C-alpha cells in the first residue's frame, strides 16, 4: 500500500516591501512521502518570494513535467515556472520553452556548487532564467519551523527575507547566481 501525502496548512502573512505587496495567503501544501520538511518549507519560501494572485503549487514530486510552483494566466499560458533544487539542464530548457519566466531556488550546498559549476555556461544562455541559492543554515532553520499547522510572517526588504513564527525568526539572504537577462556569476 502506497503512503499518502501529509497535508500542511500555513497562513502566510506577507510584507514584501521590495514589490510593495502585502497580504495574507492561506496555504494548503501536500508533502509527498519522499519529500523532506526542508523542501516543503523551501516551497513555502518560494511562494513568499514570488507571491501573486495566480501563483499555485504544482501537483508534487510524483507528477513529472510539472514545477514545484507556477503561475498560469487567464489564457492558460505559464507566466512563471518555479523549480527547487538542482534540475537538469534539459528540464530547465523545456521549462523555458513553456513559460515566460523560469526561477530556480537551489538548495543543498554540497549539490549546488558542482551543479552550478557544470551547468552555468548552458544555463547562462537562457535569458528568462533566474537562479537563487539558499544556504544550508537557512534551509535547516526553515525546516525546524515546519509544523502541520503554521502561522508564518514573512518580510522581504532590500532582498533579505525574514520568516518568523511564534518561536523563531529566520533570516534568509538569497545567493544570486543568475538574474534574468544576465550572464551567470561563477
N, C-alpha and C. Protein backbone atom coordinates (compact mmCIF):
# COMPACT_ATOMS: atom_id res chain seq x y z
N UNK A 1 0.84 -1.18 0.00
CA UNK A 1 0.00 0.00 0.00
C UNK A 1 0.89 1.24 0.00
N UNK A 2 0.60 2.16 -0.90
CA UNK A 2 1.40 3.38 -1.01
C UNK A 2 1.03 4.37 0.09
N UNK A 3 2.04 5.06 0.55
CA UNK A 3 1.81 6.09 1.55
C UNK A 3 1.19 7.31 0.88
N UNK A 4 0.31 7.99 1.58
CA UNK A 4 -0.32 9.19 1.05
C UNK A 4 0.46 10.44 1.46
N UNK A 5 0.08 11.54 0.86
CA UNK A 5 0.71 12.82 1.18
C UNK A 5 0.25 13.28 2.56
N UNK A 6 1.11 14.04 3.22
CA UNK A 6 0.77 14.66 4.50
C UNK A 6 0.42 16.11 4.23
N UNK A 7 -0.72 16.53 4.72
CA UNK A 7 -1.19 17.89 4.46
C UNK A 7 -0.71 18.84 5.55
N UNK A 8 -0.11 19.94 5.10
CA UNK A 8 0.32 21.02 5.99
C UNK A 8 -0.51 22.25 5.65
N UNK A 9 -0.93 22.95 6.66
CA UNK A 9 -1.66 24.20 6.45
C UNK A 9 -0.82 25.33 7.02
N UNK A 10 -0.74 26.40 6.24
CA UNK A 10 0.03 27.57 6.68
C UNK A 10 -0.75 28.83 6.34
N UNK A 11 -0.74 29.75 7.26
CA UNK A 11 -1.25 31.08 6.98
C UNK A 11 -0.01 31.95 6.86
N UNK A 12 0.17 32.53 5.68
CA UNK A 12 1.37 33.30 5.37
C UNK A 12 1.00 34.78 5.35
N UNK A 13 1.48 35.52 6.34
CA UNK A 13 1.31 36.98 6.36
C UNK A 13 2.53 37.58 5.70
N UNK A 14 2.35 38.13 4.51
CA UNK A 14 3.46 38.60 3.71
C UNK A 14 3.52 40.12 3.65
N UNK A 15 4.71 40.64 3.89
CA UNK A 15 5.00 42.07 3.71
C UNK A 15 6.24 42.13 2.82
N UNK A 16 6.01 42.28 1.52
CA UNK A 16 7.11 42.36 0.56
C UNK A 16 7.31 43.83 0.21
N UNK A 17 8.22 44.47 0.93
CA UNK A 17 8.47 45.89 0.72
C UNK A 17 9.15 46.15 -0.62
N UNK A 18 9.87 45.17 -1.13
CA UNK A 18 10.56 45.34 -2.42
C UNK A 18 9.57 45.42 -3.57
N UNK A 19 8.47 44.69 -3.48
CA UNK A 19 7.47 44.70 -4.56
C UNK A 19 6.20 45.45 -4.16
N UNK A 20 6.17 46.02 -2.97
CA UNK A 20 5.00 46.73 -2.47
C UNK A 20 3.77 45.81 -2.49
N UNK A 21 3.97 44.57 -1.99
CA UNK A 21 2.93 43.56 -1.97
C UNK A 21 2.70 43.14 -0.52
N UNK A 22 1.46 43.23 -0.09
CA UNK A 22 1.10 42.89 1.28
C UNK A 22 -0.16 42.04 1.24
N UNK A 23 -0.18 41.01 2.05
CA UNK A 23 -1.39 40.19 2.09
C UNK A 23 -1.25 38.97 2.96
N UNK A 24 -2.37 38.32 3.15
CA UNK A 24 -2.42 37.08 3.90
C UNK A 24 -2.82 35.98 2.93
N UNK A 25 -2.03 34.93 2.90
CA UNK A 25 -2.25 33.82 1.98
C UNK A 25 -2.45 32.54 2.78
N UNK A 26 -3.67 31.99 2.77
CA UNK A 26 -3.88 30.69 3.41
C UNK A 26 -3.39 29.60 2.44
N UNK A 27 -2.45 28.79 2.87
CA UNK A 27 -1.85 27.78 2.00
C UNK A 27 -2.14 26.38 2.52
N UNK A 28 -2.47 25.49 1.61
CA UNK A 28 -2.57 24.07 1.91
C UNK A 28 -1.51 23.41 1.05
N UNK A 29 -0.55 22.77 1.70
CA UNK A 29 0.59 22.20 0.99
C UNK A 29 0.65 20.70 1.29
N UNK A 30 0.62 19.91 0.24
CA UNK A 30 0.73 18.46 0.40
C UNK A 30 2.20 18.07 0.34
N UNK A 31 2.65 17.36 1.35
CA UNK A 31 4.03 16.87 1.40
C UNK A 31 4.06 15.42 0.95
N UNK A 32 4.67 15.21 -0.20
CA UNK A 32 4.82 13.86 -0.76
C UNK A 32 5.62 13.00 0.22
N UNK A 33 5.35 11.70 0.31
CA UNK A 33 6.08 10.85 1.26
C UNK A 33 7.60 10.91 1.11
N UNK A 34 8.09 11.17 -0.11
CA UNK A 34 9.54 11.23 -0.31
C UNK A 34 10.11 12.63 -0.13
N UNK A 35 9.25 13.60 0.17
CA UNK A 35 9.71 14.99 0.32
C UNK A 35 10.09 15.26 1.77
N UNK A 36 11.19 15.99 1.95
CA UNK A 36 11.62 16.37 3.30
C UNK A 36 10.88 17.62 3.75
N UNK A 37 10.88 17.84 5.06
CA UNK A 37 10.29 19.09 5.57
C UNK A 37 11.09 20.29 5.09
N UNK A 38 12.39 20.10 4.87
CA UNK A 38 13.22 21.18 4.34
C UNK A 38 12.69 21.63 2.98
N UNK A 39 12.45 20.69 2.08
CA UNK A 39 11.96 21.04 0.74
C UNK A 39 10.56 21.65 0.82
N UNK A 40 9.72 21.13 1.70
CA UNK A 40 8.39 21.69 1.90
C UNK A 40 8.48 23.16 2.30
N UNK A 41 9.35 23.46 3.27
CA UNK A 41 9.48 24.84 3.73
C UNK A 41 10.11 25.73 2.65
N UNK A 42 10.97 25.16 1.82
CA UNK A 42 11.54 25.94 0.72
C UNK A 42 10.49 26.23 -0.34
N UNK A 43 9.53 25.33 -0.52
CA UNK A 43 8.42 25.63 -1.43
C UNK A 43 7.60 26.80 -0.89
N UNK A 44 7.39 26.81 0.42
CA UNK A 44 6.66 27.94 1.02
C UNK A 44 7.47 29.22 0.88
N UNK A 45 8.79 29.14 1.08
CA UNK A 45 9.65 30.31 0.88
C UNK A 45 9.56 30.80 -0.57
N UNK A 46 9.61 29.88 -1.53
CA UNK A 46 9.50 30.25 -2.94
C UNK A 46 8.15 30.92 -3.21
N UNK A 47 7.10 30.43 -2.57
CA UNK A 47 5.79 31.06 -2.71
C UNK A 47 5.86 32.50 -2.22
N UNK A 48 6.44 32.71 -1.06
CA UNK A 48 6.55 34.06 -0.50
C UNK A 48 7.37 34.98 -1.41
N UNK A 49 8.43 34.46 -1.98
CA UNK A 49 9.31 35.26 -2.83
C UNK A 49 8.62 35.70 -4.13
N UNK A 50 7.65 34.91 -4.59
CA UNK A 50 7.01 35.17 -5.90
C UNK A 50 5.50 35.30 -5.79
N UNK A 51 5.00 35.54 -4.60
CA UNK A 51 3.56 35.57 -4.35
C UNK A 51 2.83 36.48 -5.34
N UNK A 52 1.68 36.02 -5.70
CA UNK A 52 0.79 36.76 -6.58
C UNK A 52 -0.52 36.01 -6.66
N UNK A 53 -1.52 36.62 -7.24
CA UNK A 53 -2.86 36.01 -7.24
C UNK A 53 -2.93 34.73 -8.07
N UNK A 54 -2.01 34.54 -9.01
CA UNK A 54 -2.06 33.35 -9.86
C UNK A 54 -1.07 32.25 -9.46
N UNK A 55 -0.22 32.52 -8.50
CA UNK A 55 0.80 31.54 -8.12
C UNK A 55 0.17 30.39 -7.34
N UNK A 56 0.51 29.17 -7.73
CA UNK A 56 0.00 28.00 -7.02
C UNK A 56 1.06 26.91 -7.00
N UNK A 57 0.86 25.94 -6.13
CA UNK A 57 1.77 24.82 -6.02
C UNK A 57 1.45 23.82 -7.14
N UNK A 58 2.51 23.18 -7.66
CA UNK A 58 2.32 22.10 -8.63
C UNK A 58 1.74 20.89 -7.93
N UNK A 59 1.49 19.83 -8.72
CA UNK A 59 0.86 18.64 -8.15
C UNK A 59 1.81 17.77 -7.36
N UNK A 60 3.10 18.10 -7.36
CA UNK A 60 4.01 17.38 -6.48
C UNK A 60 5.10 16.60 -7.19
N UNK A 61 5.95 15.99 -6.38
CA UNK A 61 7.11 15.27 -6.87
C UNK A 61 6.75 14.12 -7.80
N UNK A 62 5.61 13.54 -7.61
CA UNK A 62 5.25 12.37 -8.40
C UNK A 62 4.70 12.74 -9.78
N UNK A 63 4.52 14.03 -10.05
CA UNK A 63 3.99 14.47 -11.33
C UNK A 63 5.12 15.00 -12.19
N UNK A 64 5.57 14.19 -13.12
CA UNK A 64 6.69 14.56 -13.98
C UNK A 64 6.26 15.66 -14.95
N UNK A 65 7.18 16.58 -15.21
CA UNK A 65 6.90 17.64 -16.16
C UNK A 65 6.16 18.84 -15.58
N UNK A 66 5.99 18.85 -14.28
CA UNK A 66 5.35 19.98 -13.61
C UNK A 66 6.31 20.58 -12.60
N UNK A 67 6.28 21.90 -12.45
CA UNK A 67 7.18 22.55 -11.49
C UNK A 67 6.68 22.45 -10.06
N UNK A 68 7.51 22.90 -9.14
CA UNK A 68 7.12 22.97 -7.73
C UNK A 68 6.01 24.01 -7.55
N UNK A 69 6.13 25.14 -8.27
CA UNK A 69 5.11 26.19 -8.26
C UNK A 69 5.01 26.76 -9.66
N UNK A 70 3.86 27.34 -9.96
CA UNK A 70 3.71 28.02 -11.23
C UNK A 70 2.58 29.03 -11.18
N UNK A 71 2.65 29.97 -12.10
CA UNK A 71 1.59 30.96 -12.27
C UNK A 71 1.11 30.84 -13.71
N UNK A 72 -0.18 30.63 -13.86
CA UNK A 72 -0.79 30.45 -15.18
C UNK A 72 -1.77 31.59 -15.40
N UNK A 73 -1.66 32.27 -16.57
CA UNK A 73 -2.56 33.40 -16.83
C UNK A 73 -3.93 32.92 -17.30
N UNK A 74 -4.82 33.87 -17.58
CA UNK A 74 -6.20 33.54 -17.95
C UNK A 74 -6.30 32.78 -19.27
N UNK A 75 -5.29 32.88 -20.12
CA UNK A 75 -5.32 32.18 -21.41
C UNK A 75 -4.73 30.77 -21.31
N UNK A 76 -4.23 30.40 -20.14
CA UNK A 76 -3.63 29.09 -19.96
C UNK A 76 -2.12 29.08 -20.18
N UNK A 77 -1.55 30.24 -20.49
CA UNK A 77 -0.10 30.34 -20.68
C UNK A 77 0.59 30.38 -19.32
N UNK A 78 1.75 29.74 -19.23
CA UNK A 78 2.50 29.72 -17.98
C UNK A 78 3.35 30.99 -17.89
N UNK A 79 3.07 31.81 -16.89
CA UNK A 79 3.83 33.05 -16.67
C UNK A 79 5.14 32.75 -15.95
N UNK A 80 5.05 31.97 -14.87
CA UNK A 80 6.24 31.64 -14.08
C UNK A 80 6.30 30.15 -13.81
N UNK A 81 7.49 29.60 -13.97
CA UNK A 81 7.78 28.20 -13.69
C UNK A 81 8.84 28.21 -12.62
N UNK A 82 8.54 27.72 -11.44
CA UNK A 82 9.48 27.78 -10.32
C UNK A 82 9.84 26.36 -9.89
N UNK A 83 11.14 26.09 -9.92
CA UNK A 83 11.64 24.76 -9.58
C UNK A 83 12.56 24.87 -8.37
N UNK A 84 12.67 23.79 -7.61
CA UNK A 84 13.55 23.74 -6.45
C UNK A 84 14.66 22.72 -6.69
N UNK A 85 15.80 22.97 -6.06
CA UNK A 85 16.90 22.02 -6.11
C UNK A 85 17.86 22.30 -7.24
N UNK A 86 18.32 21.24 -7.88
CA UNK A 86 19.31 21.34 -8.96
C UNK A 86 18.80 20.56 -10.17
N UNK A 87 17.83 21.11 -10.87
CA UNK A 87 17.25 20.38 -12.01
C UNK A 87 18.24 20.23 -13.15
N UNK A 88 18.01 19.22 -13.97
CA UNK A 88 18.91 19.03 -15.09
C UNK A 88 18.63 20.06 -16.18
N UNK A 89 19.66 20.38 -16.95
CA UNK A 89 19.60 21.47 -17.93
C UNK A 89 18.49 21.24 -18.95
N UNK A 90 18.30 19.98 -19.36
CA UNK A 90 17.25 19.65 -20.31
C UNK A 90 15.88 20.05 -19.76
N UNK A 91 15.66 19.77 -18.50
CA UNK A 91 14.40 20.11 -17.84
C UNK A 91 14.22 21.63 -17.78
N UNK A 92 15.30 22.36 -17.52
CA UNK A 92 15.22 23.83 -17.45
C UNK A 92 14.92 24.40 -18.84
N UNK A 93 15.57 23.87 -19.87
CA UNK A 93 15.30 24.33 -21.24
C UNK A 93 13.85 24.07 -21.63
N UNK A 94 13.35 22.90 -21.26
CA UNK A 94 11.95 22.57 -21.54
C UNK A 94 11.02 23.56 -20.84
N UNK A 95 11.31 23.88 -19.59
CA UNK A 95 10.51 24.85 -18.82
C UNK A 95 10.57 26.22 -19.49
N UNK A 96 11.74 26.61 -19.97
CA UNK A 96 11.88 27.91 -20.64
C UNK A 96 11.08 27.97 -21.93
N UNK A 97 10.94 26.83 -22.59
CA UNK A 97 10.15 26.78 -23.80
C UNK A 97 8.65 26.87 -23.54
N UNK A 98 8.23 26.54 -22.33
CA UNK A 98 6.81 26.52 -21.99
C UNK A 98 6.34 27.76 -21.23
N UNK A 99 7.28 28.58 -20.72
CA UNK A 99 6.87 29.67 -19.82
C UNK A 99 7.60 30.97 -20.12
N UNK A 100 7.04 32.05 -19.60
CA UNK A 100 7.64 33.38 -19.80
C UNK A 100 8.86 33.59 -18.91
N UNK A 101 8.86 33.01 -17.72
CA UNK A 101 9.95 33.17 -16.77
C UNK A 101 10.20 31.85 -16.05
N UNK A 102 11.48 31.54 -15.81
CA UNK A 102 11.84 30.33 -15.08
C UNK A 102 12.68 30.74 -13.88
N UNK A 103 12.33 30.22 -12.72
CA UNK A 103 13.04 30.52 -11.48
C UNK A 103 13.50 29.21 -10.86
N UNK A 104 14.73 29.18 -10.39
CA UNK A 104 15.23 28.02 -9.65
C UNK A 104 15.67 28.48 -8.28
N UNK A 105 15.14 27.83 -7.25
CA UNK A 105 15.58 28.05 -5.89
C UNK A 105 16.45 26.85 -5.53
N UNK A 106 17.77 27.03 -5.61
CA UNK A 106 18.73 25.94 -5.40
C UNK A 106 19.06 25.83 -3.92
N UNK A 107 19.12 24.59 -3.44
CA UNK A 107 19.48 24.35 -2.05
C UNK A 107 20.31 23.07 -1.95
N UNK A 108 20.95 22.88 -0.82
CA UNK A 108 21.89 21.79 -0.52
C UNK A 108 23.24 22.13 -1.16
N UNK A 109 24.02 22.90 -0.41
CA UNK A 109 25.28 23.44 -0.91
C UNK A 109 26.21 22.37 -1.50
N UNK A 110 26.19 21.16 -0.96
CA UNK A 110 27.05 20.09 -1.48
C UNK A 110 26.67 19.71 -2.91
N UNK A 111 25.42 19.90 -3.28
CA UNK A 111 24.96 19.61 -4.64
C UNK A 111 24.99 20.86 -5.53
N UNK A 112 24.69 22.02 -4.96
CA UNK A 112 24.55 23.24 -5.76
C UNK A 112 25.87 23.63 -6.42
N UNK A 113 26.95 23.63 -5.66
CA UNK A 113 28.23 24.09 -6.23
C UNK A 113 28.66 23.27 -7.44
N UNK A 114 28.71 21.93 -7.36
CA UNK A 114 29.10 21.17 -8.55
C UNK A 114 28.09 21.29 -9.69
N UNK A 115 26.80 21.36 -9.37
CA UNK A 115 25.76 21.53 -10.39
C UNK A 115 25.96 22.85 -11.12
N UNK A 116 26.18 23.91 -10.37
CA UNK A 116 26.35 25.23 -10.97
C UNK A 116 27.64 25.29 -11.80
N UNK A 117 28.72 24.76 -11.28
CA UNK A 117 29.99 24.75 -12.00
C UNK A 117 29.84 24.01 -13.33
N UNK A 118 29.15 22.89 -13.32
CA UNK A 118 28.99 22.08 -14.54
C UNK A 118 28.01 22.69 -15.54
N UNK A 119 27.03 23.46 -15.07
CA UNK A 119 25.93 23.90 -15.94
C UNK A 119 25.80 25.40 -16.14
N UNK A 120 26.64 26.20 -15.50
CA UNK A 120 26.49 27.66 -15.57
C UNK A 120 26.53 28.17 -17.01
N UNK A 121 27.40 27.63 -17.83
CA UNK A 121 27.50 28.08 -19.22
C UNK A 121 26.20 27.87 -19.98
N UNK A 122 25.66 26.67 -19.91
CA UNK A 122 24.41 26.37 -20.62
C UNK A 122 23.23 27.14 -20.03
N UNK A 123 23.15 27.19 -18.71
CA UNK A 123 22.05 27.90 -18.06
C UNK A 123 22.15 29.40 -18.33
N UNK A 124 23.38 29.90 -18.49
CA UNK A 124 23.58 31.32 -18.76
C UNK A 124 23.00 31.76 -20.09
N UNK A 125 22.78 30.84 -21.00
CA UNK A 125 22.21 31.17 -22.31
C UNK A 125 20.69 31.29 -22.27
N UNK A 126 20.08 30.95 -21.16
CA UNK A 126 18.62 31.05 -21.03
C UNK A 126 18.30 32.40 -20.40
N UNK A 127 17.96 33.37 -21.22
CA UNK A 127 17.76 34.75 -20.74
C UNK A 127 16.66 34.88 -19.70
N UNK A 128 15.60 34.11 -19.82
CA UNK A 128 14.45 34.25 -18.92
C UNK A 128 14.63 33.51 -17.59
N UNK A 129 15.84 33.01 -17.34
CA UNK A 129 16.13 32.20 -16.15
C UNK A 129 16.72 33.03 -15.01
N UNK A 130 16.26 32.74 -13.80
CA UNK A 130 16.82 33.30 -12.57
C UNK A 130 17.20 32.11 -11.69
N UNK A 131 18.41 32.15 -11.13
CA UNK A 131 18.86 31.10 -10.22
C UNK A 131 19.29 31.77 -8.91
N UNK A 132 18.66 31.34 -7.82
CA UNK A 132 18.95 31.86 -6.50
C UNK A 132 19.22 30.69 -5.57
N UNK A 133 20.28 30.79 -4.78
CA UNK A 133 20.61 29.75 -3.82
C UNK A 133 20.20 30.12 -2.42
N UNK A 134 20.00 29.10 -1.60
CA UNK A 134 19.69 29.28 -0.18
C UNK A 134 20.73 28.47 0.59
N UNK A 135 21.32 29.08 1.59
CA UNK A 135 22.36 28.40 2.37
C UNK A 135 21.78 27.23 3.16
N UNK A 136 22.65 26.28 3.47
CA UNK A 136 22.24 25.13 4.28
C UNK A 136 21.73 25.58 5.66
N UNK A 137 22.38 26.58 6.21
CA UNK A 137 21.99 27.09 7.53
C UNK A 137 20.55 27.62 7.51
N UNK A 138 20.24 28.41 6.48
CA UNK A 138 18.89 28.98 6.38
C UNK A 138 17.85 27.89 6.11
N UNK A 139 18.15 26.95 5.20
CA UNK A 139 17.16 25.92 4.90
C UNK A 139 16.94 24.99 6.09
N UNK A 140 17.98 24.71 6.86
CA UNK A 140 17.82 23.89 8.07
C UNK A 140 16.97 24.61 9.12
N UNK A 141 17.18 25.91 9.25
CA UNK A 141 16.39 26.70 10.20
C UNK A 141 14.93 26.75 9.79
N UNK A 142 14.67 26.85 8.48
CA UNK A 142 13.29 26.83 7.99
C UNK A 142 12.66 25.46 8.25
N UNK A 143 13.42 24.39 7.99
CA UNK A 143 12.91 23.03 8.21
C UNK A 143 12.51 22.83 9.67
N UNK A 144 13.25 23.42 10.58
CA UNK A 144 12.94 23.30 12.01
C UNK A 144 11.62 23.99 12.37
N UNK A 145 11.16 24.90 11.52
CA UNK A 145 9.90 25.60 11.75
C UNK A 145 8.69 24.81 11.27
N UNK A 146 8.91 23.75 10.50
CA UNK A 146 7.81 23.00 9.89
C UNK A 146 6.88 22.44 10.95
N UNK A 147 5.60 22.61 10.70
CA UNK A 147 4.57 22.16 11.61
C UNK A 147 3.32 21.93 10.77
N UNK A 148 2.49 21.00 11.13
CA UNK A 148 1.30 20.70 10.32
C UNK A 148 0.35 21.89 10.23
N UNK A 149 0.35 22.76 11.22
CA UNK A 149 -0.44 23.99 11.20
C UNK A 149 0.49 25.13 11.56
N UNK A 150 0.72 26.01 10.59
CA UNK A 150 1.70 27.09 10.80
C UNK A 150 1.07 28.45 10.56
N UNK A 151 1.54 29.41 11.31
CA UNK A 151 1.24 30.81 11.04
C UNK A 151 2.60 31.47 10.89
N UNK A 152 2.89 31.90 9.66
CA UNK A 152 4.21 32.45 9.34
C UNK A 152 4.08 33.90 8.92
N UNK A 153 4.98 34.71 9.41
CA UNK A 153 5.08 36.10 8.98
C UNK A 153 6.36 36.20 8.14
N UNK A 154 6.22 36.71 6.94
CA UNK A 154 7.37 36.84 6.04
C UNK A 154 7.50 38.31 5.66
N UNK A 155 8.70 38.84 5.87
CA UNK A 155 9.00 40.21 5.47
C UNK A 155 10.17 40.16 4.49
N UNK A 156 10.02 40.85 3.37
CA UNK A 156 11.08 40.93 2.37
C UNK A 156 11.42 42.40 2.19
N UNK A 157 12.69 42.72 2.40
CA UNK A 157 13.14 44.10 2.25
C UNK A 157 14.59 44.11 1.79
N UNK A 158 14.86 44.88 0.75
CA UNK A 158 16.21 45.00 0.19
C UNK A 158 16.82 43.63 -0.12
N UNK A 159 15.98 42.71 -0.59
CA UNK A 159 16.45 41.40 -0.98
C UNK A 159 16.61 40.41 0.15
N UNK A 160 16.51 40.84 1.39
CA UNK A 160 16.62 39.95 2.54
C UNK A 160 15.22 39.49 2.94
N UNK A 161 15.12 38.23 3.34
CA UNK A 161 13.83 37.65 3.70
C UNK A 161 13.89 37.21 5.17
N UNK A 162 12.90 37.61 5.94
CA UNK A 162 12.76 37.17 7.32
C UNK A 162 11.49 36.35 7.42
N UNK A 163 11.60 35.16 7.98
CA UNK A 163 10.46 34.27 8.18
C UNK A 163 10.38 34.02 9.68
N UNK A 164 9.19 34.24 10.24
CA UNK A 164 9.05 34.02 11.67
C UNK A 164 7.74 33.34 12.00
N UNK A 165 7.77 32.62 13.10
CA UNK A 165 6.55 32.05 13.67
C UNK A 165 6.52 32.50 15.13
N UNK A 166 5.75 31.85 15.95
CA UNK A 166 5.65 32.30 17.35
C UNK A 166 6.87 31.94 18.19
N UNK A 167 7.82 31.16 17.62
CA UNK A 167 9.01 30.75 18.39
C UNK A 167 10.32 31.23 17.79
N UNK A 168 10.38 31.36 16.48
CA UNK A 168 11.64 31.52 15.78
C UNK A 168 11.58 32.62 14.74
N UNK A 169 12.74 33.20 14.47
CA UNK A 169 12.87 34.16 13.38
C UNK A 169 14.10 33.74 12.57
N UNK A 170 13.90 33.51 11.27
CA UNK A 170 14.97 33.05 10.38
C UNK A 170 15.24 34.12 9.33
N UNK A 171 16.50 34.47 9.17
CA UNK A 171 16.90 35.40 8.12
C UNK A 171 17.45 34.60 6.95
N UNK A 172 16.93 34.87 5.76
CA UNK A 172 17.38 34.21 4.55
C UNK A 172 17.97 35.28 3.64
N UNK A 173 19.25 35.11 3.32
CA UNK A 173 19.93 36.02 2.39
C UNK A 173 20.13 35.26 1.09
N UNK A 174 19.25 35.51 0.10
CA UNK A 174 19.37 34.78 -1.17
C UNK A 174 20.74 34.98 -1.80
N UNK A 175 21.25 33.90 -2.38
CA UNK A 175 22.55 33.93 -3.07
C UNK A 175 22.24 33.99 -4.56
N UNK A 176 22.41 35.17 -5.15
CA UNK A 176 22.06 35.36 -6.56
C UNK A 176 23.16 34.76 -7.43
N UNK A 177 22.79 33.76 -8.20
CA UNK A 177 23.73 33.11 -9.09
C UNK A 177 23.53 33.58 -10.53
N UNK A 178 22.28 33.85 -10.89
CA UNK A 178 21.97 34.36 -12.23
C UNK A 178 20.67 35.14 -12.16
N UNK A 179 20.70 36.33 -12.71
CA UNK A 179 19.49 37.14 -12.82
C UNK A 179 18.98 37.06 -14.25
N UNK A 180 17.73 37.37 -14.44
CA UNK A 180 17.16 37.33 -15.77
C UNK A 180 17.92 38.25 -16.71
N UNK A 181 18.16 37.80 -17.93
CA UNK A 181 18.87 38.55 -18.97
C UNK A 181 20.29 38.92 -18.59
N UNK A 182 20.90 38.16 -17.69
CA UNK A 182 22.30 38.38 -17.31
C UNK A 182 23.07 37.09 -17.46
N UNK A 183 24.33 37.23 -17.71
CA UNK A 183 25.22 36.07 -17.73
C UNK A 183 25.44 35.63 -16.28
N UNK A 184 25.67 34.36 -16.06
CA UNK A 184 25.81 33.86 -14.69
C UNK A 184 27.10 34.32 -14.02
N UNK A 185 27.02 34.35 -12.69
CA UNK A 185 28.20 34.65 -11.89
C UNK A 185 28.85 33.33 -11.53
N UNK A 186 30.13 33.22 -11.74
CA UNK A 186 30.81 31.97 -11.41
C UNK A 186 31.62 32.12 -10.15
